[in-house]
Amino acid sequence: MTNSRNELPQIIPPSPWVAAHCGLIAQGGRVLDLGCGSGRHARLLAGLGFDVAAVDRNFEAILKLSDVPGVTATQLDLEGDEWPLAGRAFDAIVVTNYLWRPRLPDVLALLAPGGVLIYETFMLGNEAYGKPSSPAFLLRPGELREVAQAAGLREIAFEEGYTASPKPAMRQAICAVRE
């Protein structure tokens, strides 16, 4: 019998969507991993030589990233009245499994000219597979495409629909560039 205290934590691999598009980011660029969670993408990007700003409101998640070379981890409330990232600019923004619509324009405003947006999260229909299930946290069909276009970004790739991996879900993903 295995003692749960002796088990290694399950390591979640980076999203194939993020891994497939991070080669578009300017070499050595500054990347924001927004809502970084466990830091799977911050670790990937730092390992590729990027200077990564990883932000999340979860203090434990941030602590686990505090000594990862190339990552500056900061606990921030991204959903409060004040936008804590105002005035900053990044060569890329990576967001997975996170959606807070009121801040989408603020997030896209952080993208520097030539910057790359890599965004992947859940969409309507996901309620059939589990959480999130509230429409407040599920994208409408084509929504990321519309938001990126409204912000003046050029679409590189877009996908939406069912995925079986890493677990069954309905998802939407975009990679876009600020000209």
Protein backbone atom coordinates (compact mmCIF):
# COMPACT_ATOMS: atom_id res chain seq x y z
CA MET A 1 0.00 0.00 0.00
CA THR A 2 1.31 3.42 -0.92
CA ASN A 3 1.45 6.16 1.66
CA SER A 4 0.00 9.32 0.13
CA ARG A 5 2.69 11.40 1.81
CA ASN A 6 5.36 9.51 -0.12
CA GLU A 7 3.70 9.84 -3.52
CA LEU A 8 5.17 12.28 -5.96
CA PRO A 9 2.86 15.06 -7.10
CA GLN A 10 1.30 14.45 -10.50
CA ILE A 11 3.07 16.53 -13.10
CA ILE A 12 0.77 17.95 -15.73
CA PRO A 13 2.56 18.34 -19.07
CA PRO A 14 2.35 21.61 -20.98
CA SER A 15 -0.57 22.09 -23.31
CA PRO A 16 0.24 20.87 -26.83
CA TRP A 17 -1.34 24.12 -28.10
CA VAL A 18 1.13 26.23 -26.11
CA ALA A 19 4.09 24.01 -26.99
CA ALA A 20 3.20 24.17 -30.69
CA HIS A 21 3.10 27.98 -30.80
CA CYS A 22 5.78 29.16 -28.38
CA GLY A 23 8.32 29.06 -31.22
CA LEU A 24 6.67 32.25 -32.56
CA ILE A 25 7.80 34.24 -29.52
CA ALA A 26 10.84 36.49 -30.03
CA GLN A 27 13.92 34.71 -28.72
CA GLY A 28 14.71 35.79 -25.16
CA GLY A 29 11.42 37.70 -24.98
CA ARG A 30 9.45 38.62 -21.90
CA VAL A 31 6.40 36.35 -21.47
CA LEU A 32 3.40 36.69 -19.17
CA ASP A 33 1.90 33.41 -17.95
CA LEU A 34 -1.46 34.72 -16.73
CA GLY A 35 -3.26 32.57 -14.18
CA CYS A 36 -0.21 30.31 -14.17
CA GLY A 37 -1.53 27.72 -11.73
CA SER A 38 1.04 24.97 -11.22
CA GLY A 39 3.45 26.74 -13.56
CA ARG A 40 3.64 24.08 -16.27
CA HIS A 41 3.88 26.73 -19.00
CA ALA A 42 6.12 29.07 -17.01
CA ARG A 43 8.59 26.20 -16.58
CA LEU A 44 8.40 25.29 -20.28
CA LEU A 45 8.95 28.87 -21.41
CA ALA A 46 11.76 29.57 -18.93
CA GLY A 47 13.44 26.36 -20.11
CA LEU A 48 13.31 27.74 -23.66
CA GLY A 49 15.18 30.87 -22.54
CA PHE A 50 12.28 33.29 -22.07
CA ASP A 51 12.02 35.73 -19.17
CA VAL A 52 8.70 34.66 -17.62
CA ALA A 53 6.40 36.67 -15.37
CA ALA A 54 4.08 34.08 -13.80
CA VAL A 55 1.04 35.47 -12.00
CA ASP A 56 -1.75 33.76 -10.09
CA ARG A 57 -3.85 34.52 -7.04
CA ASN A 58 -2.99 31.14 -5.49
CA PHE A 59 -0.18 31.69 -3.00
CA GLU A 60 0.86 28.00 -2.90
CA ALA A 61 1.20 27.91 -6.68
CA ILE A 62 3.40 30.99 -6.65
CA LEU A 63 5.59 29.56 -3.88
CA LYS A 64 6.31 26.47 -6.00
CA LEU A 65 7.69 28.73 -8.74
CA SER A 66 9.74 31.04 -6.52
CA ASP A 67 13.09 29.38 -7.24
CA VAL A 68 12.60 28.37 -10.88
CA PRO A 69 15.36 30.07 -12.94
CA GLY A 70 13.95 32.52 -15.46
CA VAL A 71 10.59 32.83 -13.68
CA THR A 72 9.44 35.77 -11.59
CA ALA A 73 6.35 34.54 -9.77
CA THR A 74 3.93 37.03 -8.25
CA GLN A 75 0.68 36.57 -6.38
CA LEU A 76 -1.87 38.98 -7.88
CA ASP A 77 -5.63 39.37 -7.84
CA LEU A 78 -6.46 39.60 -11.54
CA GLU A 79 -10.17 40.05 -10.91
CA GLY A 80 -10.15 43.00 -8.52
CA ASP A 81 -11.10 46.60 -9.21
CA GLU A 82 -7.47 47.61 -9.78
CA TRP A 83 -5.60 46.10 -12.74
CA PRO A 84 -2.21 45.18 -11.24
CA LEU A 85 -0.45 44.80 -14.61
CA ALA A 86 -1.37 48.21 -16.06
CA GLY A 87 1.42 49.85 -18.05
CA ARG A 88 3.43 46.67 -18.59
CA ALA A 89 4.27 45.13 -21.97
CA PHE A 90 5.12 41.57 -22.94
CA ASP A 91 6.45 39.85 -26.06
CA ALA A 92 3.95 37.06 -25.44
CA ILE A 93 0.99 36.28 -23.24
CA VAL A 94 0.06 32.70 -22.43
CA VAL A 95 -3.30 31.92 -20.84
CA THR A 96 -4.74 28.44 -20.33
CA ASN A 97 -7.81 27.28 -18.44
CA TYR A 98 -8.66 30.80 -17.26
CA LEU A 99 -11.28 33.31 -18.33
CA TRP A 100 -12.28 36.60 -16.76
CA ARG A 101 -14.10 38.52 -19.50
CA PRO A 102 -14.03 41.94 -17.79
CA ARG A 103 -10.21 41.94 -18.10
CA LEU A 104 -9.79 40.57 -21.63
CA PRO A 105 -9.20 44.04 -23.15
CA ASP A 106 -6.68 44.82 -20.38
CA VAL A 107 -4.87 41.52 -21.01
CA LEU A 108 -4.60 42.15 -24.75
CA ALA A 109 -3.40 45.71 -24.14
CA LEU A 110 -0.29 44.19 -22.48
CA LEU A 111 0.85 42.68 -25.77
CA ALA A 112 3.78 44.59 -27.29
CA PRO A 113 4.05 45.17 -31.05
CA GLY A 114 5.04 41.85 -32.62
CA GLY A 115 3.84 40.08 -29.49
CA VAL A 116 2.17 36.68 -29.55
CA LEU A 117 -1.05 35.72 -27.78
CA ILE A 118 -1.44 32.02 -26.99
CA TYR A 119 -4.80 31.46 -25.32
CA GLU A 120 -6.64 28.21 -24.63
CA THR A 121 -9.60 27.66 -22.33
CA PHE A 122 -12.99 26.04 -21.98
CA MET A 123 -16.05 26.84 -24.07
CA LEU A 124 -19.79 26.28 -23.98
CA GLY A 125 -20.58 22.59 -23.97
CA ASN A 126 -17.94 21.86 -21.33
CA GLU A 127 -20.69 21.61 -18.70
CA ALA A 128 -21.33 18.10 -20.08
CA TYR A 129 -17.81 17.08 -19.00
CA GLY A 130 -17.41 18.81 -15.65
CA LYS A 131 -16.00 22.09 -14.37
CA PRO A 132 -16.09 24.83 -15.31
CA SER A 133 -19.77 24.61 -16.08
CA SER A 134 -20.98 28.18 -15.58
CA PRO A 135 -21.47 30.17 -18.80
CA ALA A 136 -19.59 33.00 -17.06
CA PHE A 137 -16.40 30.93 -17.42
CA LEU A 138 -17.07 29.32 -20.80
CA LEU A 139 -16.32 30.97 -24.13
CA ARG A 140 -19.02 31.30 -26.74
CA PRO A 141 -18.28 29.80 -30.18
CA GLY A 142 -15.72 31.99 -31.96
CA GLU A 143 -15.36 34.34 -28.99
CA LEU A 144 -11.54 34.32 -28.77
CA ARG A 145 -11.39 34.99 -32.50
CA GLU A 146 -13.72 37.99 -32.11
CA VAL A 147 -11.83 39.38 -29.10
CA ALA A 148 -8.46 39.09 -30.86
CA GLN A 149 -9.79 40.70 -34.02
CA ALA A 150 -11.33 43.58 -32.03
CA ALA A 151 -7.92 44.17 -30.42
CA GLY A 152 -6.27 44.39 -33.85
CA LEU A 153 -4.44 41.07 -33.63
CA ARG A 154 -3.72 38.91 -36.67
CA GLU A 155 -4.86 35.33 -36.24
CA ILE A 156 -2.23 32.64 -36.78
CA ALA A 157 -4.29 29.61 -35.70
CA PHE A 158 -7.68 28.92 -34.14
CA GLU A 159 -9.40 25.77 -32.91
CA GLU A 160 -12.55 25.02 -31.02
CA GLY A 161 -14.53 21.97 -30.07
CA TYR A 162 -14.16 18.66 -28.28
CA THR A 163 -10.85 17.36 -27.00
CA ALA A 164 -10.22 14.02 -25.30
CA SER A 165 -6.86 15.01 -23.80
CA PRO A 166 -5.77 15.61 -21.11
CA LYS A 167 -9.42 14.94 -20.19
CA PRO A 168 -12.66 15.17 -22.16
CA ALA A 169 -13.63 18.85 -22.53
CA MET A 170 -14.88 21.49 -24.89
CA ARG A 171 -12.14 24.01 -25.55
CA GLN A 172 -11.25 26.99 -27.70
CA ALA A 173 -7.75 28.15 -28.56
CA ILE A 174 -6.13 30.96 -30.51
CA CYS A 175 -2.66 32.05 -31.44
CA ALA A 176 -2.54 35.64 -32.69
CA VAL A 177 0.06 38.36 -33.23
CA ARG A 178 -0.01 42.10 -32.68
CA GLU A 179 1.31 43.68 -35.90
